[in-house]
N, C-alpha and C. Protein backbone atom coordinates (compact mmCIF):
# COMPACT_ATOMS: atom_id res chain seq x y z
N GLY A 1 89.60 84.85 109.82
CA GLY A 1 90.00 83.95 108.74
C GLY A 1 88.95 83.72 107.69
N MET A 2 87.72 84.14 107.96
CA MET A 2 86.66 83.92 106.98
C MET A 2 86.98 84.68 105.69
N GLN A 3 86.86 83.98 104.58
CA GLN A 3 87.12 84.59 103.28
C GLN A 3 85.82 85.09 102.69
N LEU A 4 85.82 86.34 102.25
CA LEU A 4 84.60 86.87 101.65
C LEU A 4 84.89 88.02 100.72
N MET A 5 83.88 88.35 99.93
CA MET A 5 83.97 89.43 98.97
C MET A 5 83.68 90.74 99.69
N LEU A 6 84.55 91.73 99.47
CA LEU A 6 84.36 93.03 100.09
C LEU A 6 83.44 93.90 99.26
N LYS A 7 83.64 93.93 97.97
CA LYS A 7 82.76 94.66 97.07
C LYS A 7 82.86 94.05 95.69
N GLY A 8 81.86 94.29 94.88
CA GLY A 8 81.88 93.77 93.52
C GLY A 8 80.53 93.88 92.86
N ASP A 9 80.46 93.56 91.59
CA ASP A 9 79.22 93.62 90.82
C ASP A 9 78.66 92.23 90.58
N GLY A 10 77.40 92.19 90.18
CA GLY A 10 76.82 90.94 89.74
C GLY A 10 76.47 89.97 90.86
N HIS A 11 76.18 90.46 92.05
CA HIS A 11 75.81 89.58 93.16
C HIS A 11 74.45 90.00 93.70
N ASP A 12 73.98 89.33 94.72
CA ASP A 12 72.64 89.57 95.22
C ASP A 12 72.56 90.60 96.34
N TRP A 13 73.70 91.21 96.71
CA TRP A 13 73.65 92.22 97.76
C TRP A 13 72.97 93.47 97.24
N SER A 14 72.20 94.11 98.09
CA SER A 14 71.63 95.40 97.71
C SER A 14 72.73 96.45 97.77
N SER A 15 72.51 97.59 97.11
CA SER A 15 73.55 98.60 97.01
C SER A 15 73.88 99.25 98.34
N GLY A 16 73.02 99.09 99.35
CA GLY A 16 73.23 99.76 100.62
C GLY A 16 74.07 99.00 101.63
N TRP A 17 74.46 97.76 101.31
CA TRP A 17 75.17 96.97 102.32
C TRP A 17 76.67 97.18 102.29
N SER A 18 77.18 97.69 101.20
CA SER A 18 78.59 98.04 101.11
C SER A 18 78.66 99.50 100.70
N LEU A 19 79.14 100.35 101.61
CA LEU A 19 79.08 101.78 101.40
C LEU A 19 80.47 102.39 101.24
N GLU A 20 80.57 103.41 100.42
CA GLU A 20 81.82 104.13 100.23
C GLU A 20 81.83 105.33 101.18
N ILE A 21 82.86 105.43 102.00
CA ILE A 21 82.94 106.52 102.98
C ILE A 21 83.43 107.80 102.30
N GLU A 22 82.77 108.90 102.59
CA GLU A 22 83.20 110.21 102.12
C GLU A 22 84.20 110.76 103.15
N LEU A 23 85.46 110.79 102.79
CA LEU A 23 86.50 111.17 103.74
C LEU A 23 86.95 112.62 103.61
N GLY A 24 86.34 113.34 102.66
CA GLY A 24 86.66 114.76 102.56
C GLY A 24 87.48 115.15 101.36
N GLY A 25 87.87 114.18 100.53
CA GLY A 25 88.70 114.48 99.38
C GLY A 25 87.94 114.67 98.09
N GLY A 26 86.59 114.63 98.17
CA GLY A 26 85.80 114.76 96.96
C GLY A 26 85.30 113.42 96.48
N ASN A 27 84.52 113.45 95.39
CA ASN A 27 83.87 112.24 94.91
C ASN A 27 84.46 111.73 93.60
N GLY A 28 85.64 112.18 93.23
CA GLY A 28 86.25 111.76 91.98
C GLY A 28 87.00 110.45 92.09
N ALA A 29 87.44 109.94 90.95
CA ALA A 29 88.17 108.68 90.91
C ALA A 29 89.53 108.79 91.57
N ALA A 30 90.21 109.92 91.39
CA ALA A 30 91.56 110.08 91.96
C ALA A 30 91.57 110.02 93.48
N PRO A 31 90.71 110.80 94.19
CA PRO A 31 90.73 110.69 95.65
C PRO A 31 90.29 109.32 96.14
N TYR A 32 89.37 108.69 95.42
CA TYR A 32 88.92 107.33 95.80
C TYR A 32 90.10 106.37 95.75
N ARG A 33 90.88 106.43 94.68
CA ARG A 33 92.05 105.56 94.55
C ARG A 33 93.11 105.90 95.60
N ASN A 34 93.34 107.19 95.82
CA ASN A 34 94.34 107.61 96.81
C ASN A 34 93.97 107.15 98.21
N GLU A 35 92.68 107.17 98.53
CA GLU A 35 92.23 106.77 99.86
C GLU A 35 92.36 105.27 100.07
N ILE A 36 92.26 104.50 98.99
CA ILE A 36 92.48 103.05 99.08
C ILE A 36 93.96 102.76 99.27
N GLN A 37 94.79 103.48 98.55
CA GLN A 37 96.22 103.22 98.57
C GLN A 37 96.90 103.67 99.86
N GLY A 38 96.36 104.67 100.50
CA GLY A 38 97.03 105.18 101.70
C GLY A 38 96.11 106.02 102.55
N CYS A 39 96.66 107.04 103.17
CA CYS A 39 95.88 107.88 104.08
C CYS A 39 96.24 109.35 103.81
N PRO A 40 95.59 110.00 102.83
CA PRO A 40 95.87 111.40 102.54
C PRO A 40 95.69 112.27 103.79
N SER A 41 96.36 113.40 103.80
CA SER A 41 96.38 114.26 104.99
C SER A 41 95.00 114.73 105.42
N TYR A 42 94.04 114.76 104.50
CA TYR A 42 92.70 115.25 104.85
C TYR A 42 91.83 114.19 105.52
N VAL A 43 92.27 112.95 105.54
CA VAL A 43 91.46 111.88 106.14
C VAL A 43 91.36 112.08 107.65
N PRO A 44 90.13 112.12 108.21
CA PRO A 44 89.96 112.36 109.64
C PRO A 44 90.10 111.09 110.46
N THR A 45 90.23 111.27 111.76
CA THR A 45 90.17 110.14 112.68
C THR A 45 88.74 109.61 112.69
N VAL A 46 88.57 108.30 112.62
CA VAL A 46 87.25 107.68 112.64
C VAL A 46 87.09 106.89 113.93
N GLY A 47 86.08 107.22 114.71
CA GLY A 47 85.84 106.54 115.97
C GLY A 47 84.56 105.72 115.93
N LEU A 48 84.25 105.08 117.04
CA LEU A 48 83.00 104.34 117.16
C LEU A 48 81.88 105.31 117.55
N TYR A 49 80.66 104.98 117.12
CA TYR A 49 79.52 105.86 117.38
C TYR A 49 79.34 106.09 118.87
N LYS A 50 79.26 107.36 119.23
CA LYS A 50 79.07 107.74 120.62
C LYS A 50 77.59 107.96 120.89
N THR A 51 77.02 107.19 121.81
CA THR A 51 75.60 107.28 122.12
C THR A 51 75.20 108.72 122.43
N GLY A 52 74.10 109.14 121.82
CA GLY A 52 73.61 110.49 122.04
C GLY A 52 74.01 111.45 120.95
N THR A 53 74.98 111.06 120.12
CA THR A 53 75.40 111.92 119.02
C THR A 53 74.34 111.91 117.93
N VAL A 54 73.92 113.08 117.48
CA VAL A 54 72.93 113.17 116.41
C VAL A 54 73.57 112.75 115.11
N CYS A 55 72.97 111.78 114.43
CA CYS A 55 73.53 111.24 113.20
C CYS A 55 72.38 110.89 112.26
N ASP A 56 71.64 111.93 111.85
CA ASP A 56 70.44 111.72 111.04
C ASP A 56 70.58 112.19 109.60
N SER A 57 71.53 113.08 109.34
CA SER A 57 71.73 113.60 107.99
C SER A 57 73.19 113.99 107.82
N THR A 58 73.57 114.33 106.59
CA THR A 58 74.97 114.63 106.31
C THR A 58 75.49 115.84 107.08
N VAL A 59 74.62 116.75 107.48
CA VAL A 59 75.08 117.90 108.26
C VAL A 59 75.55 117.46 109.65
N ASP A 60 75.18 116.24 110.05
CA ASP A 60 75.57 115.72 111.37
C ASP A 60 76.87 114.94 111.32
N ALA A 61 77.47 114.80 110.14
CA ALA A 61 78.68 113.99 110.00
C ALA A 61 79.75 114.42 111.00
N ASN A 62 80.24 113.45 111.77
CA ASN A 62 81.23 113.69 112.82
C ASN A 62 82.07 112.42 112.94
N PRO A 63 83.10 112.28 112.10
CA PRO A 63 83.87 111.03 112.05
C PRO A 63 84.42 110.58 113.40
N VAL A 64 84.92 111.50 114.21
CA VAL A 64 85.51 111.13 115.50
C VAL A 64 84.46 110.47 116.39
N ALA A 65 83.21 110.96 116.30
CA ALA A 65 82.12 110.40 117.10
C ALA A 65 81.41 109.27 116.38
N GLY A 66 81.97 108.79 115.28
CA GLY A 66 81.42 107.63 114.59
C GLY A 66 80.22 107.88 113.72
N CYS A 67 80.06 109.10 113.22
CA CYS A 67 78.96 109.41 112.30
C CYS A 67 79.60 109.81 110.96
N LEU A 68 79.51 108.91 109.98
CA LEU A 68 80.22 109.10 108.72
C LEU A 68 79.28 109.42 107.56
N ALA A 69 79.72 110.31 106.69
CA ALA A 69 79.04 110.54 105.43
C ALA A 69 79.43 109.39 104.49
N VAL A 70 78.45 108.79 103.84
CA VAL A 70 78.70 107.62 102.99
C VAL A 70 77.94 107.76 101.68
N ARG A 71 78.37 106.98 100.70
CA ARG A 71 77.69 106.91 99.42
C ARG A 71 77.29 105.48 99.14
N THR A 72 76.13 105.29 98.54
CA THR A 72 75.62 103.95 98.25
C THR A 72 76.10 103.47 96.89
N GLY A 73 75.89 102.18 96.65
CA GLY A 73 76.19 101.62 95.35
C GLY A 73 77.63 101.18 95.19
N VAL A 74 77.94 100.70 93.99
CA VAL A 74 79.28 100.20 93.68
C VAL A 74 79.91 101.13 92.65
N ARG A 75 81.07 101.66 92.95
CA ARG A 75 81.75 102.56 92.03
C ARG A 75 82.27 101.78 90.83
N GLN A 76 81.97 102.28 89.64
CA GLN A 76 82.43 101.63 88.42
C GLN A 76 83.84 102.11 88.06
N GLY A 77 84.49 101.37 87.17
CA GLY A 77 85.81 101.78 86.71
C GLY A 77 86.93 101.04 87.41
N PRO A 78 88.17 101.35 87.05
CA PRO A 78 89.33 100.59 87.52
C PRO A 78 89.94 101.09 88.84
N THR A 79 89.33 102.12 89.46
CA THR A 79 90.00 102.74 90.61
C THR A 79 90.22 101.79 91.77
N SER A 80 89.22 100.99 92.12
CA SER A 80 89.40 100.08 93.25
C SER A 80 90.45 99.02 92.94
N LYS A 81 90.47 98.50 91.70
CA LYS A 81 91.48 97.50 91.32
C LYS A 81 92.87 98.11 91.38
N GLN A 82 93.02 99.35 90.91
CA GLN A 82 94.32 100.00 90.95
C GLN A 82 94.81 100.16 92.38
N GLY A 83 93.91 100.55 93.28
CA GLY A 83 94.27 100.71 94.68
C GLY A 83 94.64 99.40 95.34
N VAL A 84 93.84 98.36 95.07
CA VAL A 84 94.09 97.04 95.66
C VAL A 84 95.39 96.46 95.12
N ASP A 85 95.60 96.54 93.82
CA ASP A 85 96.84 96.01 93.23
C ASP A 85 98.07 96.71 93.81
N TYR A 86 97.94 98.01 94.08
CA TYR A 86 99.06 98.77 94.67
C TYR A 86 99.40 98.23 96.05
N LEU A 87 98.39 98.02 96.90
CA LEU A 87 98.63 97.53 98.26
C LEU A 87 99.19 96.10 98.25
N VAL A 88 98.63 95.25 97.39
CA VAL A 88 99.13 93.88 97.30
C VAL A 88 100.58 93.88 96.83
N GLY A 89 100.92 94.77 95.90
CA GLY A 89 102.27 94.84 95.39
C GLY A 89 103.29 95.28 96.42
N LEU A 90 102.86 96.07 97.42
CA LEU A 90 103.77 96.52 98.46
C LEU A 90 104.26 95.37 99.34
N ASP A 91 103.45 94.31 99.43
CA ASP A 91 103.81 93.17 100.28
C ASP A 91 103.38 91.89 99.58
N SER A 92 103.90 91.70 98.37
CA SER A 92 103.47 90.59 97.53
C SER A 92 103.81 89.22 98.11
N GLY A 93 104.77 89.18 99.05
CA GLY A 93 105.15 87.91 99.64
C GLY A 93 104.25 87.44 100.76
N ALA A 94 103.32 88.28 101.17
CA ALA A 94 102.40 87.91 102.26
C ALA A 94 101.27 87.03 101.75
N SER A 95 100.76 86.19 102.62
CA SER A 95 99.63 85.33 102.27
C SER A 95 98.88 84.97 103.54
N TRP A 96 97.73 84.34 103.38
CA TRP A 96 96.93 83.94 104.54
C TRP A 96 97.11 82.45 104.79
N ASP A 97 97.55 82.11 106.00
CA ASP A 97 97.72 80.72 106.40
C ASP A 97 96.41 80.23 106.99
N THR A 98 95.72 79.33 106.28
CA THR A 98 94.40 78.86 106.74
C THR A 98 94.50 77.92 107.94
N THR A 99 95.69 77.37 108.20
CA THR A 99 95.87 76.50 109.37
C THR A 99 96.03 77.32 110.64
N GLN A 100 96.87 78.36 110.56
CA GLN A 100 97.11 79.21 111.73
C GLN A 100 96.17 80.40 111.81
N ASN A 101 95.41 80.62 110.72
CA ASN A 101 94.49 81.76 110.63
C ASN A 101 95.20 83.08 110.91
N LYS A 102 96.24 83.33 110.15
CA LYS A 102 96.96 84.58 110.30
C LYS A 102 97.78 84.88 109.05
N VAL A 103 98.26 86.12 108.97
CA VAL A 103 99.10 86.53 107.85
C VAL A 103 100.51 85.96 108.04
N VAL A 104 101.06 85.37 106.99
CA VAL A 104 102.41 84.83 107.04
C VAL A 104 103.20 85.35 105.84
N GLY A 105 104.51 85.27 105.95
CA GLY A 105 105.37 85.69 104.86
C GLY A 105 105.46 87.19 104.73
N GLY A 106 106.14 87.65 103.71
CA GLY A 106 106.25 89.07 103.45
C GLY A 106 106.90 89.84 104.59
N CYS A 107 106.47 91.09 104.76
CA CYS A 107 107.10 91.93 105.77
C CYS A 107 106.76 91.48 107.19
N THR A 108 105.65 90.74 107.36
CA THR A 108 105.29 90.24 108.68
C THR A 108 106.34 89.26 109.17
N ALA A 109 106.76 88.35 108.30
CA ALA A 109 107.78 87.37 108.67
C ALA A 109 109.14 88.03 108.84
N ALA A 110 109.41 89.04 108.02
CA ALA A 110 110.70 89.72 108.08
C ALA A 110 110.78 90.73 109.21
N GLY A 111 109.60 91.12 109.75
CA GLY A 111 109.58 92.09 110.84
C GLY A 111 109.91 93.51 110.40
N ASP A 112 109.68 93.82 109.12
CA ASP A 112 110.01 95.17 108.65
C ASP A 112 108.82 95.87 107.99
N CYS A 113 107.60 95.60 108.48
CA CYS A 113 106.41 96.21 107.90
C CYS A 113 106.40 97.73 108.05
N VAL A 114 107.09 98.25 109.06
CA VAL A 114 107.14 99.70 109.25
C VAL A 114 107.76 100.37 108.03
N SER A 115 108.75 99.75 107.43
CA SER A 115 109.41 100.33 106.27
C SER A 115 108.64 100.09 104.98
N VAL A 116 107.77 99.08 104.97
CA VAL A 116 107.00 98.74 103.77
C VAL A 116 105.67 99.48 103.72
N ASN A 117 105.04 99.63 104.89
CA ASN A 117 103.73 100.26 104.96
C ASN A 117 103.87 101.78 104.80
N PRO A 118 103.18 102.41 103.83
CA PRO A 118 103.27 103.86 103.64
C PRO A 118 102.86 104.66 104.87
N LEU A 119 102.05 104.05 105.74
CA LEU A 119 101.61 104.73 106.95
C LEU A 119 102.63 104.62 108.07
N GLY A 120 103.66 103.79 107.88
CA GLY A 120 104.69 103.63 108.90
C GLY A 120 104.24 102.82 110.09
N THR A 121 103.21 101.99 109.93
CA THR A 121 102.72 101.16 111.02
C THR A 121 103.27 99.74 110.88
N PRO A 122 103.40 99.02 111.99
CA PRO A 122 103.98 97.67 111.95
C PRO A 122 103.00 96.60 111.48
N LEU A 123 102.19 96.92 110.48
CA LEU A 123 101.24 95.99 109.89
C LEU A 123 101.51 95.89 108.40
N SER A 124 101.22 94.76 107.82
CA SER A 124 101.30 94.64 106.37
C SER A 124 100.36 95.68 105.75
N PRO A 125 100.78 96.37 104.70
CA PRO A 125 99.90 97.33 104.04
C PRO A 125 98.66 96.68 103.45
N ARG A 126 98.67 95.35 103.40
CA ARG A 126 97.50 94.63 102.88
C ARG A 126 96.43 94.41 103.96
N VAL A 127 96.74 94.76 105.20
CA VAL A 127 95.75 94.68 106.28
C VAL A 127 95.10 96.05 106.40
N ILE A 128 93.84 96.14 106.08
CA ILE A 128 93.14 97.42 106.06
C ILE A 128 92.00 97.42 107.07
N PRO A 129 91.60 98.60 107.57
CA PRO A 129 90.48 98.67 108.49
C PRO A 129 89.16 98.86 107.75
N LEU A 130 88.15 98.11 108.16
CA LEU A 130 86.79 98.29 107.64
C LEU A 130 85.93 98.87 108.76
N ALA A 131 85.09 99.82 108.42
CA ALA A 131 84.17 100.38 109.41
C ALA A 131 82.83 99.67 109.28
N LEU A 132 82.40 99.01 110.35
CA LEU A 132 81.09 98.35 110.36
C LEU A 132 80.04 99.37 110.81
N PHE A 133 78.85 99.32 110.17
CA PHE A 133 77.82 100.30 110.50
C PHE A 133 76.54 99.64 110.98
N ASP A 134 75.68 100.44 111.62
CA ASP A 134 74.40 99.99 112.15
C ASP A 134 73.36 100.08 111.04
N PRO A 135 72.92 98.94 110.47
CA PRO A 135 71.98 98.99 109.35
C PRO A 135 70.59 99.48 109.74
N VAL A 136 70.19 99.23 110.99
CA VAL A 136 68.86 99.67 111.44
C VAL A 136 68.82 101.20 111.52
N ALA A 137 69.87 101.77 112.13
CA ALA A 137 69.93 103.23 112.23
C ALA A 137 70.07 103.85 110.86
N TYR A 138 70.82 103.18 109.96
CA TYR A 138 71.00 103.70 108.61
C TYR A 138 69.66 103.75 107.86
N ALA A 139 68.88 102.68 107.99
CA ALA A 139 67.58 102.63 107.32
C ALA A 139 66.63 103.69 107.88
N ALA A 140 66.77 103.97 109.18
CA ALA A 140 65.88 104.94 109.82
C ALA A 140 66.11 106.36 109.33
N THR A 141 67.29 106.63 108.73
CA THR A 141 67.55 107.98 108.22
C THR A 141 66.76 108.26 106.95
N SER A 142 66.24 107.20 106.30
CA SER A 142 65.43 107.34 105.08
C SER A 142 66.15 108.16 104.02
N CYS A 143 67.42 107.91 103.86
CA CYS A 143 68.20 108.64 102.86
C CYS A 143 67.73 108.26 101.45
N ASN A 144 67.46 109.26 100.65
CA ASN A 144 66.97 109.03 99.29
C ASN A 144 67.98 109.42 98.22
N GLY A 145 69.20 109.61 98.59
CA GLY A 145 70.22 110.01 97.62
C GLY A 145 71.59 109.95 98.24
N ASN A 146 72.55 110.61 97.63
CA ASN A 146 73.92 110.62 98.15
C ASN A 146 74.35 112.05 98.43
N PRO A 147 75.18 112.28 99.46
CA PRO A 147 75.61 111.26 100.43
C PRO A 147 74.58 111.04 101.53
N CYS A 148 74.75 109.98 102.29
CA CYS A 148 73.92 109.65 103.45
C CYS A 148 74.84 109.63 104.67
N VAL A 149 74.35 109.13 105.81
CA VAL A 149 75.20 108.99 106.99
C VAL A 149 75.02 107.59 107.59
N ALA A 150 76.07 107.11 108.24
CA ALA A 150 76.03 105.80 108.88
C ALA A 150 76.75 105.87 110.23
N ARG A 151 76.26 105.09 111.19
CA ARG A 151 76.88 105.03 112.51
C ARG A 151 77.88 103.88 112.56
N VAL A 152 79.12 104.19 112.91
CA VAL A 152 80.17 103.16 112.98
C VAL A 152 80.04 102.39 114.29
N THR A 153 79.82 101.09 114.21
CA THR A 153 79.66 100.28 115.41
C THR A 153 80.94 99.54 115.79
N ASN A 154 81.84 99.39 114.84
CA ASN A 154 83.08 98.69 115.16
C ASN A 154 84.07 98.82 114.01
N LEU A 155 85.30 98.45 114.26
CA LEU A 155 86.32 98.39 113.22
C LEU A 155 86.79 96.95 113.10
N LEU A 156 86.92 96.50 111.86
CA LEU A 156 87.29 95.12 111.60
C LEU A 156 88.45 95.12 110.61
N GLY A 157 89.42 94.24 110.83
CA GLY A 157 90.54 94.13 109.91
C GLY A 157 90.18 93.26 108.72
N PHE A 158 90.84 93.53 107.60
CA PHE A 158 90.59 92.78 106.37
C PHE A 158 91.92 92.62 105.64
N PHE A 159 92.36 91.37 105.45
CA PHE A 159 93.59 91.10 104.71
C PHE A 159 93.25 90.98 103.23
N LEU A 160 93.78 91.91 102.43
CA LEU A 160 93.50 91.93 101.00
C LEU A 160 94.25 90.79 100.30
N GLU A 161 93.49 89.84 99.75
CA GLU A 161 94.13 88.81 98.94
C GLU A 161 94.25 89.27 97.49
N GLY A 162 93.31 90.10 97.04
CA GLY A 162 93.37 90.62 95.67
C GLY A 162 92.00 90.64 95.03
N MET A 163 91.97 90.73 93.72
CA MET A 163 90.73 90.65 92.97
C MET A 163 90.43 89.17 92.72
N CYS A 164 89.15 88.83 92.64
CA CYS A 164 88.75 87.43 92.54
C CYS A 164 89.42 86.69 91.38
N ASP A 165 89.56 87.36 90.23
CA ASP A 165 90.14 86.67 89.08
C ASP A 165 91.65 86.47 89.24
N GLU A 166 92.25 87.17 90.21
CA GLU A 166 93.68 87.00 90.47
C GLU A 166 93.93 85.98 91.58
N VAL A 167 92.99 85.89 92.51
CA VAL A 167 93.13 84.98 93.64
C VAL A 167 92.79 83.54 93.25
N PHE A 168 91.78 83.39 92.38
CA PHE A 168 91.30 82.05 92.01
C PHE A 168 91.56 81.78 90.53
N ALA A 169 92.07 80.57 90.23
CA ALA A 169 92.23 80.17 88.83
C ALA A 169 90.87 80.08 88.16
N THR A 170 89.89 79.55 88.90
CA THR A 170 88.50 79.52 88.46
C THR A 170 87.67 80.18 89.54
N PRO A 171 87.30 81.45 89.39
CA PRO A 171 86.58 82.16 90.44
C PRO A 171 85.28 81.47 90.80
N PRO A 172 85.00 81.31 92.11
CA PRO A 172 83.74 80.71 92.54
C PRO A 172 82.57 81.61 92.19
N THR A 173 81.37 81.06 92.21
CA THR A 173 80.18 81.80 91.80
C THR A 173 79.94 83.01 92.69
N TRP A 174 80.37 82.94 93.98
CA TRP A 174 80.11 84.06 94.87
C TRP A 174 80.96 85.28 94.53
N CYS A 175 81.92 85.12 93.60
CA CYS A 175 82.69 86.28 93.14
C CYS A 175 81.84 87.18 92.24
N GLY A 176 80.70 86.69 91.79
CA GLY A 176 79.82 87.50 90.96
C GLY A 176 80.14 87.38 89.49
N ASN A 177 79.49 88.23 88.70
CA ASN A 177 79.64 88.16 87.24
C ASN A 177 80.88 88.88 86.72
N GLN A 178 81.51 89.69 87.59
CA GLN A 178 82.69 90.43 87.16
C GLN A 178 83.81 90.24 88.18
N PRO A 179 84.43 89.06 88.19
CA PRO A 179 85.48 88.76 89.18
C PRO A 179 86.67 89.70 89.11
N SER A 180 86.91 90.33 87.96
CA SER A 180 88.03 91.25 87.85
C SER A 180 87.78 92.56 88.59
N GLN A 181 86.53 92.79 89.03
CA GLN A 181 86.18 93.98 89.78
C GLN A 181 85.74 93.67 91.20
N THR A 182 85.96 92.42 91.62
CA THR A 182 85.51 91.99 92.93
C THR A 182 86.68 91.77 93.88
N VAL A 183 86.70 92.49 95.00
CA VAL A 183 87.77 92.40 95.99
C VAL A 183 87.49 91.26 96.96
N VAL A 184 88.49 90.44 97.22
CA VAL A 184 88.32 89.32 98.15
C VAL A 184 89.45 89.34 99.17
N GLY A 185 89.14 88.88 100.40
CA GLY A 185 90.15 88.86 101.45
C GLY A 185 89.68 88.08 102.65
N ARG A 186 90.38 88.27 103.78
CA ARG A 186 90.10 87.52 105.01
C ARG A 186 89.82 88.47 106.17
N LEU A 187 88.84 88.12 107.01
CA LEU A 187 88.52 88.90 108.19
C LEU A 187 89.55 88.63 109.28
N MET A 188 89.91 89.68 110.02
CA MET A 188 90.89 89.54 111.10
C MET A 188 90.77 90.73 112.05
N PRO A 189 91.36 90.69 113.24
CA PRO A 189 91.34 91.84 114.15
C PRO A 189 92.13 93.00 113.57
N TYR A 190 91.83 94.19 114.08
CA TYR A 190 92.58 95.38 113.66
C TYR A 190 92.87 96.22 114.89
N PRO A 191 94.11 96.69 115.06
CA PRO A 191 94.45 97.46 116.26
C PRO A 191 93.84 98.86 116.21
N GLY A 192 93.44 99.36 117.37
CA GLY A 192 92.89 100.70 117.46
C GLY A 192 93.43 101.43 118.67
N GLU A 193 93.04 102.67 118.83
CA GLU A 193 93.50 103.50 119.94
C GLU A 193 92.30 104.02 120.71
N ALA A 194 92.34 103.94 122.03
CA ALA A 194 91.24 104.40 122.87
C ALA A 194 91.29 105.91 123.00
N ARG A 195 90.16 106.57 122.66
CA ARG A 195 90.07 108.02 122.81
C ARG A 195 88.70 108.37 123.37
N GLY A 196 88.64 109.38 124.22
CA GLY A 196 87.40 109.74 124.87
C GLY A 196 86.36 110.33 123.95
N ALA A 197 86.76 110.83 122.77
CA ALA A 197 85.82 111.49 121.88
C ALA A 197 84.88 110.53 121.19
N SER A 198 85.26 109.27 121.09
CA SER A 198 84.42 108.31 120.40
C SER A 198 83.74 107.39 121.40
N GLY A 199 82.80 106.59 120.90
CA GLY A 199 82.08 105.68 121.78
C GLY A 199 82.95 104.53 122.24
N SER A 200 82.48 103.79 123.22
CA SER A 200 83.23 102.66 123.75
C SER A 200 82.86 101.39 123.02
N ALA A 201 83.83 100.49 122.89
CA ALA A 201 83.59 99.21 122.24
C ALA A 201 82.85 98.27 123.18
N GLY A 202 82.01 97.43 122.61
CA GLY A 202 81.25 96.48 123.41
C GLY A 202 82.10 95.32 123.86
N PRO A 203 81.51 94.38 124.65
CA PRO A 203 82.28 93.25 125.18
C PRO A 203 82.71 92.26 124.10
N GLU A 204 81.99 92.24 122.96
CA GLU A 204 82.34 91.31 121.89
C GLU A 204 82.76 92.13 120.68
N THR A 205 83.91 92.73 120.78
CA THR A 205 84.34 93.66 119.75
C THR A 205 85.44 93.08 118.88
N PHE A 206 85.47 93.50 117.62
CA PHE A 206 86.55 93.11 116.74
C PHE A 206 87.74 94.03 116.94
N LEU A 207 87.47 95.22 117.44
CA LEU A 207 88.52 96.21 117.64
C LEU A 207 89.45 95.77 118.76
N LYS A 208 90.75 95.81 118.51
CA LYS A 208 91.74 95.47 119.52
C LYS A 208 92.50 96.73 119.90
N ILE A 209 92.44 97.11 121.15
CA ILE A 209 93.08 98.34 121.62
C ILE A 209 94.50 98.04 122.07
N THR A 210 95.44 98.78 121.49
CA THR A 210 96.85 98.57 121.81
C THR A 210 97.31 99.65 122.78
N ARG A 211 97.88 99.27 123.90
CA ARG A 211 98.38 100.24 124.90
C ARG A 211 99.84 99.89 125.22
N LEU A 212 100.62 100.92 125.47
CA LEU A 212 101.99 100.72 125.92
C LEU A 212 102.01 100.88 127.45
N ILE A 213 102.60 99.91 128.12
CA ILE A 213 102.63 99.94 129.59
C ILE A 213 104.09 100.03 130.04
N ARG A 214 104.33 101.01 130.88
CA ARG A 214 105.69 101.19 131.39
C ARG A 214 105.80 100.62 132.78
């Protein structure tokens, strides 16, 4: 339920704390927007970092084993806003209930998120997965350019509320100097699938594993 800025300009974060994942579609504006809006066929499975996997440079990139190629800094231009506005528009009736700390309204209340979500999953399209990375291991790679690599330590859900200037009538100072380019939302669990190729989640994990039991 914690509300926070996902990315944006004009704040005190260093460029390395919010990273853009290289998913294989190239570094242009179009694939960046497409990857925000959905899941192009080239996007790989992303797992948690598996202990012992070499993850020191981009040649070691292995998404399934939790070693991702990433880019530093904040991408300029309208691509992130276009992607966020698209997802919010798919389920515009959804909102975050601060009393119950959960998503209410929209397709969640109607029980038809499968038909609304382009991925065909029973979640609001506004609930997206974030990959958390190990900052100590990232710093140890001494990356001096792009792309770099990061170890995925967990997956966390994020409910997209929108851009700061759209969510707030008067954007708070933590939205930064460019609220129209700053994404804001709420932290929440995100469902995942257990696979042997990736590392195991720790005892205090944000990742929620969904299993069907017969």
